[in-house]
Full PDB file with SEQRES, HELIX, SHEET, SSBOND, CRYST1, ORIGX, SCALE, CONECT and MASTER records, all heavy atoms in Angstrom:
SEQRES   1 A   35  GLU LEU ALA LYS ARG ALA ALA LYS ILE ALA LYS LYS GLY          
SEQRES   2 A   35  ASN LEU LEU ASP ALA THR THR ILE GLY LEU GLU VAL GLY          
SEQRES   3 A   35  GLU ARG VAL LEU GLU PRO SER GLU VAL                          
HELIX    1 AA1 LEU A    2  LYS A   12  1                                  11    
CRYST1    1.000    1.000    1.000  90.00  90.00  90.00 P 1           1          
ORIGX1      1.000000  0.000000  0.000000        0.00000                         
ORIGX2      0.000000  1.000000  0.000000        0.00000                         
ORIGX3      0.000000  0.000000  1.000000        0.00000                         
SCALE1      1.000000  0.000000  0.000000        0.00000                         
SCALE2      0.000000  1.000000  0.000000        0.00000                         
SCALE3      0.000000  0.000000  1.000000        0.00000                         
ATOM      1  N   GLU A   1      21.766  29.741  27.129  1.00  0.00           N  
ATOM      2  CA  GLU A   1      22.777  28.768  27.545  1.00  0.00           C  
ATOM      3  C   GLU A   1      22.740  27.536  26.644  1.00  0.00           C  
ATOM      4  O   GLU A   1      23.787  27.042  26.202  1.00  0.00           O  
ATOM      5  CB  GLU A   1      22.533  28.368  28.994  1.00  0.00           C  
ATOM      6  CG  GLU A   1      23.462  27.273  29.508  1.00  0.00           C  
ATOM      7  CD  GLU A   1      23.012  26.710  30.842  1.00  0.00           C  
ATOM      8  OE1 GLU A   1      22.266  27.401  31.551  1.00  0.00           O  
ATOM      9  OE2 GLU A   1      23.378  25.560  31.161  1.00  0.00           O  
ATOM     10  N   LEU A   2      21.536  27.029  26.363  1.00  0.00           N  
ATOM     11  CA  LEU A   2      21.399  25.864  25.497  1.00  0.00           C  
ATOM     12  C   LEU A   2      21.867  26.175  24.081  1.00  0.00           C  
ATOM     13  O   LEU A   2      22.496  25.337  23.426  1.00  0.00           O  
ATOM     14  CB  LEU A   2      19.947  25.384  25.491  1.00  0.00           C  
ATOM     15  CG  LEU A   2      19.416  24.831  26.816  1.00  0.00           C  
ATOM     16  CD1 LEU A   2      17.915  24.549  26.712  1.00  0.00           C  
ATOM     17  CD2 LEU A   2      20.152  23.561  27.221  1.00  0.00           C  
ATOM     18  N   ALA A   3      21.568  27.377  23.589  1.00  0.00           N  
ATOM     19  CA  ALA A   3      21.998  27.785  22.250  1.00  0.00           C  
ATOM     20  C   ALA A   3      23.521  27.847  22.159  1.00  0.00           C  
ATOM     21  O   ALA A   3      24.115  27.435  21.153  1.00  0.00           O  
ATOM     22  CB  ALA A   3      21.385  29.135  21.890  1.00  0.00           C  
ATOM     23  N   LYS A   4      24.153  28.355  23.219  1.00  0.00           N  
ATOM     24  CA  LYS A   4      25.612  28.435  23.256  1.00  0.00           C  
ATOM     25  C   LYS A   4      26.227  27.039  23.234  1.00  0.00           C  
ATOM     26  O   LYS A   4      27.188  26.781  22.509  1.00  0.00           O  
ATOM     27  CB  LYS A   4      26.051  29.197  24.502  1.00  0.00           C  
ATOM     28  CG  LYS A   4      27.548  29.454  24.588  1.00  0.00           C  
ATOM     29  CD  LYS A   4      27.875  30.297  25.820  1.00  0.00           C  
ATOM     30  CE  LYS A   4      29.381  30.564  25.907  1.00  0.00           C  
ATOM     31  NZ  LYS A   4      29.703  31.383  27.131  1.00  0.00           N  
ATOM     32  N   ARG A   5      25.653  26.131  24.016  1.00  0.00           N  
ATOM     33  CA  ARG A   5      26.145  24.755  24.040  1.00  0.00           C  
ATOM     34  C   ARG A   5      25.941  24.083  22.688  1.00  0.00           C  
ATOM     35  O   ARG A   5      26.789  23.331  22.207  1.00  0.00           O  
ATOM     36  CB  ARG A   5      25.440  23.966  25.139  1.00  0.00           C  
ATOM     37  CG  ARG A   5      25.860  24.369  26.547  1.00  0.00           C  
ATOM     38  CD  ARG A   5      24.957  23.751  27.597  1.00  0.00           C  
ATOM     39  NE  ARG A   5      24.939  22.296  27.495  1.00  0.00           N  
ATOM     40  CZ  ARG A   5      24.080  21.521  28.161  1.00  0.00           C  
ATOM     41  NH1 ARG A   5      23.156  22.083  28.938  1.00  0.00           N  
ATOM     42  NH2 ARG A   5      24.146  20.197  28.027  1.00  0.00           N  
ATOM     43  N   ALA A   6      24.779  24.360  22.053  1.00  0.00           N  
ATOM     44  CA  ALA A   6      24.498  23.777  20.745  1.00  0.00           C  
ATOM     45  C   ALA A   6      25.506  24.241  19.706  1.00  0.00           C  
ATOM     46  O   ALA A   6      25.991  23.454  18.885  1.00  0.00           O  
ATOM     47  CB  ALA A   6      23.082  24.132  20.306  1.00  0.00           C  
ATOM     48  N   ALA A   7      25.834  25.532  19.728  1.00  0.00           N  
ATOM     49  CA  ALA A   7      26.805  26.067  18.775  1.00  0.00           C  
ATOM     50  C   ALA A   7      28.176  25.432  18.980  1.00  0.00           C  
ATOM     51  O   ALA A   7      28.886  25.105  18.013  1.00  0.00           O  
ATOM     52  CB  ALA A   7      26.892  27.584  18.927  1.00  0.00           C  
ATOM     53  N   LYS A   8      28.567  25.238  20.234  1.00  0.00           N  
ATOM     54  CA  LYS A   8      29.853  24.634  20.546  1.00  0.00           C  
ATOM     55  C   LYS A   8      29.914  23.183  20.073  1.00  0.00           C  
ATOM     56  O   LYS A   8      30.912  22.746  19.485  1.00  0.00           O  
ATOM     57  CB  LYS A   8      30.108  24.712  22.055  1.00  0.00           C  
ATOM     58  CG  LYS A   8      31.477  24.234  22.489  1.00  0.00           C  
ATOM     59  CD  LYS A   8      31.664  24.444  23.996  1.00  0.00           C  
ATOM     60  CE  LYS A   8      33.050  23.980  24.436  1.00  0.00           C  
ATOM     61  NZ  LYS A   8      33.237  24.193  25.911  1.00  0.00           N  
ATOM     62  N   ILE A   9      28.847  22.448  20.321  1.00  0.00           N  
ATOM     63  CA  ILE A   9      28.798  21.047  19.908  1.00  0.00           C  
ATOM     64  C   ILE A   9      28.794  20.930  18.388  1.00  0.00           C  
ATOM     65  O   ILE A   9      29.481  20.089  17.806  1.00  0.00           O  
ATOM     66  CB  ILE A   9      27.564  20.352  20.508  1.00  0.00           C  
ATOM     67  CG1 ILE A   9      27.714  20.248  22.021  1.00  0.00           C  
ATOM     68  CG2 ILE A   9      27.347  18.971  19.898  1.00  0.00           C  
ATOM     69  CD1 ILE A   9      26.457  19.777  22.727  1.00  0.00           C  
ATOM     70  N   ALA A  10      28.008  21.790  17.725  1.00  0.00           N  
ATOM     71  CA  ALA A  10      27.938  21.753  16.268  1.00  0.00           C  
ATOM     72  C   ALA A  10      29.287  22.047  15.637  1.00  0.00           C  
ATOM     73  O   ALA A  10      29.681  21.413  14.651  1.00  0.00           O  
ATOM     74  CB  ALA A  10      26.886  22.749  15.781  1.00  0.00           C  
ATOM     75  N   LYS A  11      29.996  23.003  16.200  1.00  0.00           N  
ATOM     76  CA  LYS A  11      31.321  23.347  15.671  1.00  0.00           C  
ATOM     77  C   LYS A  11      32.286  22.186  15.842  1.00  0.00           C  
ATOM     78  O   LYS A  11      33.028  21.832  14.923  1.00  0.00           O  
ATOM     79  CB  LYS A  11      31.853  24.590  16.372  1.00  0.00           C  
ATOM     80  CG  LYS A  11      33.208  25.058  15.850  1.00  0.00           C  
ATOM     81  CD  LYS A  11      33.638  26.330  16.536  1.00  0.00           C  
ATOM     82  CE  LYS A  11      34.980  26.820  15.998  1.00  0.00           C  
ATOM     83  NZ  LYS A  11      35.415  28.079  16.660  1.00  0.00           N  
ATOM     84  N   LYS A  12      32.284  21.594  17.006  1.00  0.00           N  
ATOM     85  CA  LYS A  12      33.186  20.484  17.281  1.00  0.00           C  
ATOM     86  C   LYS A  12      32.893  19.290  16.375  1.00  0.00           C  
ATOM     87  O   LYS A  12      33.800  18.575  15.953  1.00  0.00           O  
ATOM     88  CB  LYS A  12      33.066  20.068  18.750  1.00  0.00           C  
ATOM     89  CG  LYS A  12      34.059  19.006  19.173  1.00  0.00           C  
ATOM     90  CD  LYS A  12      33.933  18.714  20.661  1.00  0.00           C  
ATOM     91  CE  LYS A  12      34.927  17.640  21.101  1.00  0.00           C  
ATOM     92  NZ  LYS A  12      34.815  17.360  22.566  1.00  0.00           N  
ATOM     93  N   GLY A  13      31.626  19.059  16.071  1.00  0.00           N  
ATOM     94  CA  GLY A  13      31.246  17.933  15.230  1.00  0.00           C  
ATOM     95  C   GLY A  13      31.138  18.271  13.764  1.00  0.00           C  
ATOM     96  O   GLY A  13      30.631  17.455  12.985  1.00  0.00           O  
ATOM     97  N   ASN A  14      31.589  19.459  13.390  1.00  0.00           N  
ATOM     98  CA  ASN A  14      31.515  19.907  11.999  1.00  0.00           C  
ATOM     99  C   ASN A  14      30.074  19.886  11.498  1.00  0.00           C  
ATOM    100  O   ASN A  14      29.773  19.480  10.381  1.00  0.00           O  
ATOM    101  CB  ASN A  14      32.402  19.040  11.104  1.00  0.00           C  
ATOM    102  CG  ASN A  14      32.667  19.684   9.749  1.00  0.00           C  
ATOM    103  OD1 ASN A  14      32.660  20.915   9.612  1.00  0.00           O  
ATOM    104  ND2 ASN A  14      32.908  18.840   8.745  1.00  0.00           N  
ATOM    105  N   LEU A  15      29.166  20.356  12.349  1.00  0.00           N  
ATOM    106  CA  LEU A  15      27.744  20.401  12.036  1.00  0.00           C  
ATOM    107  C   LEU A  15      27.225  21.818  12.231  1.00  0.00           C  
ATOM    108  O   LEU A  15      26.196  22.054  12.844  1.00  0.00           O  
ATOM    109  CB  LEU A  15      26.965  19.436  12.936  1.00  0.00           C  
ATOM    110  CG  LEU A  15      27.366  17.966  12.875  1.00  0.00           C  
ATOM    111  CD1 LEU A  15      26.674  17.188  13.974  1.00  0.00           C  
ATOM    112  CD2 LEU A  15      27.023  17.382  11.521  1.00  0.00           C  
ATOM    113  N   LEU A  16      27.929  22.774  11.653  1.00  0.00           N  
ATOM    114  CA  LEU A  16      27.645  24.180  11.916  1.00  0.00           C  
ATOM    115  C   LEU A  16      26.226  24.582  11.547  1.00  0.00           C  
ATOM    116  O   LEU A  16      25.633  25.464  12.179  1.00  0.00           O  
ATOM    117  CB  LEU A  16      28.651  25.059  11.167  1.00  0.00           C  
ATOM    118  CG  LEU A  16      30.107  24.967  11.651  1.00  0.00           C  
ATOM    119  CD1 LEU A  16      31.008  25.843  10.803  1.00  0.00           C  
ATOM    120  CD2 LEU A  16      30.204  25.393  13.103  1.00  0.00           C  
ATOM    121  N   ASP A  17      25.660  23.962  10.543  1.00  0.00           N  
ATOM    122  CA  ASP A  17      24.319  24.337  10.095  1.00  0.00           C  
ATOM    123  C   ASP A  17      23.254  23.359  10.574  1.00  0.00           C  
ATOM    124  O   ASP A  17      22.123  23.358  10.088  1.00  0.00           O  
ATOM    125  CB  ASP A  17      24.267  24.420   8.556  1.00  0.00           C  
ATOM    126  CG  ASP A  17      25.200  25.491   8.008  1.00  0.00           C  
ATOM    127  OD1 ASP A  17      25.374  26.518   8.682  1.00  0.00           O  
ATOM    128  OD2 ASP A  17      25.756  25.272   6.912  1.00  0.00           O  
ATOM    129  N   ALA A  18      23.617  22.510  11.539  1.00  0.00           N  
ATOM    130  CA  ALA A  18      22.693  21.451  11.952  1.00  0.00           C  
ATOM    131  C   ALA A  18      21.537  21.970  12.775  1.00  0.00           C  
ATOM    132  O   ALA A  18      20.417  21.496  12.657  1.00  0.00           O  
ATOM    133  CB  ALA A  18      23.436  20.372  12.736  1.00  0.00           C  
ATOM    134  N   THR A  19      21.768  22.927  13.611  1.00  0.00           N  
ATOM    135  CA  THR A  19      20.693  23.360  14.487  1.00  0.00           C  
ATOM    136  C   THR A  19      20.917  24.769  15.010  1.00  0.00           C  
ATOM    137  O   THR A  19      22.050  25.256  15.063  1.00  0.00           O  
ATOM    138  CB  THR A  19      20.526  22.405  15.682  1.00  0.00           C  
ATOM    139  OG1 THR A  19      19.340  22.752  16.397  1.00  0.00           O  
ATOM    140  CG2 THR A  19      21.721  22.492  16.630  1.00  0.00           C  
ATOM    141  N   THR A  20      19.842  25.400  15.379  1.00  0.00           N  
ATOM    142  CA  THR A  20      19.844  26.656  16.130  1.00  0.00           C  
ATOM    143  C   THR A  20      18.770  26.543  17.186  1.00  0.00           C  
ATOM    144  O   THR A  20      17.809  25.812  17.022  1.00  0.00           O  
ATOM    145  CB  THR A  20      19.552  27.868  15.222  1.00  0.00           C  
ATOM    146  OG1 THR A  20      18.288  27.679  14.565  1.00  0.00           O  
ATOM    147  CG2 THR A  20      20.637  28.044  14.175  1.00  0.00           C  
ATOM    148  N   ILE A  21      18.916  27.263  18.268  1.00  0.00           N  
ATOM    149  CA  ILE A  21      17.920  27.254  19.334  1.00  0.00           C  
ATOM    150  C   ILE A  21      17.650  28.697  19.725  1.00  0.00           C  
ATOM    151  O   ILE A  21      18.584  29.469  19.946  1.00  0.00           O  
ATOM    152  CB  ILE A  21      18.399  26.455  20.563  1.00  0.00           C  
ATOM    153  CG1 ILE A  21      18.668  25.000  20.188  1.00  0.00           C  
ATOM    154  CG2 ILE A  21      17.359  26.515  21.685  1.00  0.00           C  
ATOM    155  CD1 ILE A  21      19.249  24.180  21.328  1.00  0.00           C  
ATOM    156  N   GLY A  22      16.392  29.072  19.801  1.00  0.00           N  
ATOM    157  CA  GLY A  22      16.044  30.439  20.170  1.00  0.00           C  
ATOM    158  C   GLY A  22      14.697  30.499  20.860  1.00  0.00           C  
ATOM    159  O   GLY A  22      13.991  29.499  21.013  1.00  0.00           O  
ATOM    160  N   LEU A  23      14.322  31.699  21.292  1.00  0.00           N  
ATOM    161  CA  LEU A  23      13.050  31.928  21.974  1.00  0.00           C  
ATOM    162  C   LEU A  23      12.411  33.179  21.405  1.00  0.00           C  
ATOM    163  O   LEU A  23      12.992  34.254  21.441  1.00  0.00           O  
ATOM    164  CB  LEU A  23      13.259  32.085  23.477  1.00  0.00           C  
ATOM    165  CG  LEU A  23      11.975  32.268  24.311  1.00  0.00           C  
ATOM    166  CD1 LEU A  23      11.200  30.954  24.356  1.00  0.00           C  
ATOM    167  CD2 LEU A  23      12.305  32.751  25.722  1.00  0.00           C  
ATOM    168  N   GLU A  24      11.204  33.045  20.868  1.00  0.00           N  
ATOM    169  CA  GLU A  24      10.434  34.178  20.389  1.00  0.00           C  
ATOM    170  C   GLU A  24       9.380  34.537  21.422  1.00  0.00           C  
ATOM    171  O   GLU A  24       8.586  33.694  21.826  1.00  0.00           O  
ATOM    172  CB  GLU A  24       9.780  33.864  19.052  1.00  0.00           C  
ATOM    173  CG  GLU A  24      10.752  33.708  17.895  1.00  0.00           C  
ATOM    174  CD  GLU A  24      10.043  33.460  16.575  1.00  0.00           C  
ATOM    175  OE1 GLU A  24       8.780  33.357  16.591  1.00  0.00           O  
ATOM    176  OE2 GLU A  24      10.729  33.363  15.538  1.00  0.00           O  
ATOM    177  N   VAL A  25       9.369  35.799  21.852  1.00  0.00           N  
ATOM    178  CA  VAL A  25       8.413  36.283  22.839  1.00  0.00           C  
ATOM    179  C   VAL A  25       7.297  37.015  22.111  1.00  0.00           C  
ATOM    180  O   VAL A  25       7.527  37.993  21.417  1.00  0.00           O  
ATOM    181  CB  VAL A  25       9.081  37.203  23.868  1.00  0.00           C  
ATOM    182  CG1 VAL A  25       8.056  37.677  24.897  1.00  0.00           C  
ATOM    183  CG2 VAL A  25      10.230  36.469  24.564  1.00  0.00           C  
ATOM    184  N   GLY A  26       6.071  36.530  22.291  1.00  0.00           N  
ATOM    185  CA  GLY A  26       4.942  37.084  21.568  1.00  0.00           C  
ATOM    186  C   GLY A  26       3.957  37.828  22.449  1.00  0.00           C  
ATOM    187  O   GLY A  26       4.337  38.678  23.258  1.00  0.00           O  
ATOM    188  N   GLU A  27       2.682  37.507  22.344  1.00  0.00           N  
ATOM    189  CA  GLU A  27       1.583  38.238  22.980  1.00  0.00           C  
ATOM    190  C   GLU A  27       1.722  38.311  24.508  1.00  0.00           C  
ATOM    191  O   GLU A  27       2.089  37.337  25.157  1.00  0.00           O  
ATOM    192  CB  GLU A  27       0.262  37.557  22.632  1.00  0.00           C  
ATOM    193  CG  GLU A  27      -0.977  38.177  23.228  1.00  0.00           C  
ATOM    194  CD  GLU A  27      -2.219  37.372  22.954  1.00  0.00           C  
ATOM    195  OE1 GLU A  27      -2.093  36.295  22.334  1.00  0.00           O  
ATOM    196  OE2 GLU A  27      -3.310  37.810  23.386  1.00  0.00           O  
ATOM    197  N   ARG A  28       1.418  39.489  25.059  1.00  0.00           N  
ATOM    198  CA  ARG A  28       1.350  39.686  26.507  1.00  0.00           C  
ATOM    199  C   ARG A  28      -0.085  39.478  26.959  1.00  0.00           C  
ATOM    200  O   ARG A  28      -1.006  40.078  26.425  1.00  0.00           O  
ATOM    201  CB  ARG A  28       1.836  41.092  26.877  1.00  0.00           C  
ATOM    202  CG  ARG A  28       1.849  41.410  28.377  1.00  0.00           C  
ATOM    203  CD  ARG A  28       2.461  42.804  28.579  1.00  0.00           C  
ATOM    204  NE  ARG A  28       2.525  43.191  29.984  1.00  0.00           N  
ATOM    205  CZ  ARG A  28       1.572  43.857  30.627  1.00  0.00           C  
ATOM    206  NH1 ARG A  28       0.462  44.203  29.980  1.00  0.00           N  
ATOM    207  NH2 ARG A  28       1.713  44.176  31.915  1.00  0.00           N  
ATOM    208  N   VAL A  29      -0.298  38.614  27.968  1.00  0.00           N  
ATOM    209  CA  VAL A  29      -1.634  38.233  28.410  1.00  0.00           C  
ATOM    210  C   VAL A  29      -1.803  38.551  29.889  1.00  0.00           C  
ATOM    211  O   VAL A  29      -0.916  38.262  30.699  1.00  0.00           O  
ATOM    212  CB  VAL A  29      -1.883  36.725  28.174  1.00  0.00           C  
ATOM    213  CG1 VAL A  29      -3.267  36.329  28.671  1.00  0.00           C  
ATOM    214  CG2 VAL A  29      -1.741  36.385  26.704  1.00  0.00           C  
ATOM    215  N   LEU A  30      -2.948  39.144  30.244  1.00  0.00           N  
ATOM    216  CA  LEU A  30      -3.295  39.411  31.639  1.00  0.00           C  
ATOM    217  C   LEU A  30      -4.392  38.444  32.071  1.00  0.00           C  
ATOM    218  O   LEU A  30      -5.391  38.272  31.373  1.00  0.00           O  
ATOM    219  CB  LEU A  30      -3.771  40.853  31.834  1.00  0.00           C  
ATOM    220  CG  LEU A  30      -2.748  41.969  31.643  1.00  0.00           C  
ATOM    221  CD1 LEU A  30      -3.421  43.334  31.830  1.00  0.00           C  
ATOM    222  CD2 LEU A  30      -1.614  41.825  32.642  1.00  0.00           C  
ATOM    223  N   GLU A  31      -4.212  37.803  33.238  1.00  0.00           N  
ATOM    224  CA  GLU A  31      -5.227  36.918  33.795  1.00  0.00           C  
ATOM    225  C   GLU A  31      -5.619  37.417  35.178  1.00  0.00           C  
ATOM    226  O   GLU A  31      -4.769  37.574  36.052  1.00  0.00           O  
ATOM    227  CB  GLU A  31      -4.722  35.485  33.875  1.00  0.00           C  
ATOM    228  CG  GLU A  31      -4.571  34.810  32.545  1.00  0.00           C  
ATOM    229  CD  GLU A  31      -4.267  33.344  32.665  1.00  0.00           C  
ATOM    230  OE1 GLU A  31      -4.124  32.854  33.804  1.00  0.00           O  
ATOM    231  OE2 GLU A  31      -4.154  32.679  31.623  1.00  0.00           O  
ATOM    232  N   PRO A  32      -6.920  37.685  35.410  1.00  0.00           N  
ATOM    233  CA  PRO A  32      -7.362  38.162  36.728  1.00  0.00           C  
ATOM    234  C   PRO A  32      -7.003  37.169  37.827  1.00  0.00           C  
ATOM    235  O   PRO A  32      -7.049  35.952  37.639  1.00  0.00           O  
ATOM    236  CB  PRO A  32      -8.877  38.286  36.554  1.00  0.00           C  
ATOM    237  CG  PRO A  32      -9.104  38.347  35.082  1.00  0.00           C  
ATOM    238  CD  PRO A  32      -8.017  37.536  34.452  1.00  0.00           C  
ATOM    239  N   SER A  33      -6.637  37.684  38.991  1.00  0.00           N  
ATOM    240  CA  SER A  33      -6.285  36.849  40.130  1.00  0.00           C  
ATOM    241  C   SER A  33      -7.541  36.375  40.847  1.00  0.00           C  
ATOM    242  O   SER A  33      -8.558  37.065  40.881  1.00  0.00           O  
ATOM    243  CB  SER A  33      -5.394  37.617  41.105  1.00  0.00           C  
ATOM    244  OG  SER A  33      -5.163  36.867  42.284  1.00  0.00           O  
ATOM    245  N   GLU A  34      -7.491  35.184  41.416  1.00  0.00           N  
ATOM    246  CA  GLU A  34      -8.573  34.655  42.230  1.00  0.00           C  
ATOM    247  C   GLU A  34      -8.239  34.710  43.715  1.00  0.00           C  
ATOM    248  O   GLU A  34      -8.997  34.232  44.550  1.00  0.00           O  
ATOM    249  CB  GLU A  34      -8.883  33.215  41.826  1.00  0.00           C  
ATOM    250  CG  GLU A  34      -9.375  33.072  40.395  1.00  0.00           C  
ATOM    251  CD  GLU A  34      -9.710  31.653  40.036  1.00  0.00           C  
ATOM    252  OE1 GLU A  34      -9.482  30.769  40.872  1.00  0.00           O  
ATOM    253  OE2 GLU A  34     -10.198  31.414  38.924  1.00  0.00           O  
ATOM    254  N   VAL A  35      -7.091  35.300  44.049  1.00  0.00           N  
ATOM    255  CA  VAL A  35      -6.644  35.387  45.432  1.00  0.00           C  
ATOM    256  C   VAL A  35      -7.195  36.658  46.082  1.00  0.00           C  
ATOM    257  O   VAL A  35      -6.926  37.771  45.631  1.00  0.00           O  
ATOM    258  CB  VAL A  35      -5.106  35.372  45.522  1.00  0.00           C  
ATOM    259  CG1 VAL A  35      -4.651  35.468  46.972  1.00  0.00           C  
ATOM    260  CG2 VAL A  35      -4.550  34.111  44.883  1.00  0.00           C  
TER     261      VAL A  35                                                      
MASTER        0    0    0    1    0    0    0    6  260    1    0    3          
END                                                                             
């Protein structure tokens, strides 16, 4: 959602290459429960 808004704002302000927003998903981690 934020990336979509950023693209819209950049286009309107003629700042197409100003920014990008993304999320990289990396390592999967398991943590034992204490419950």
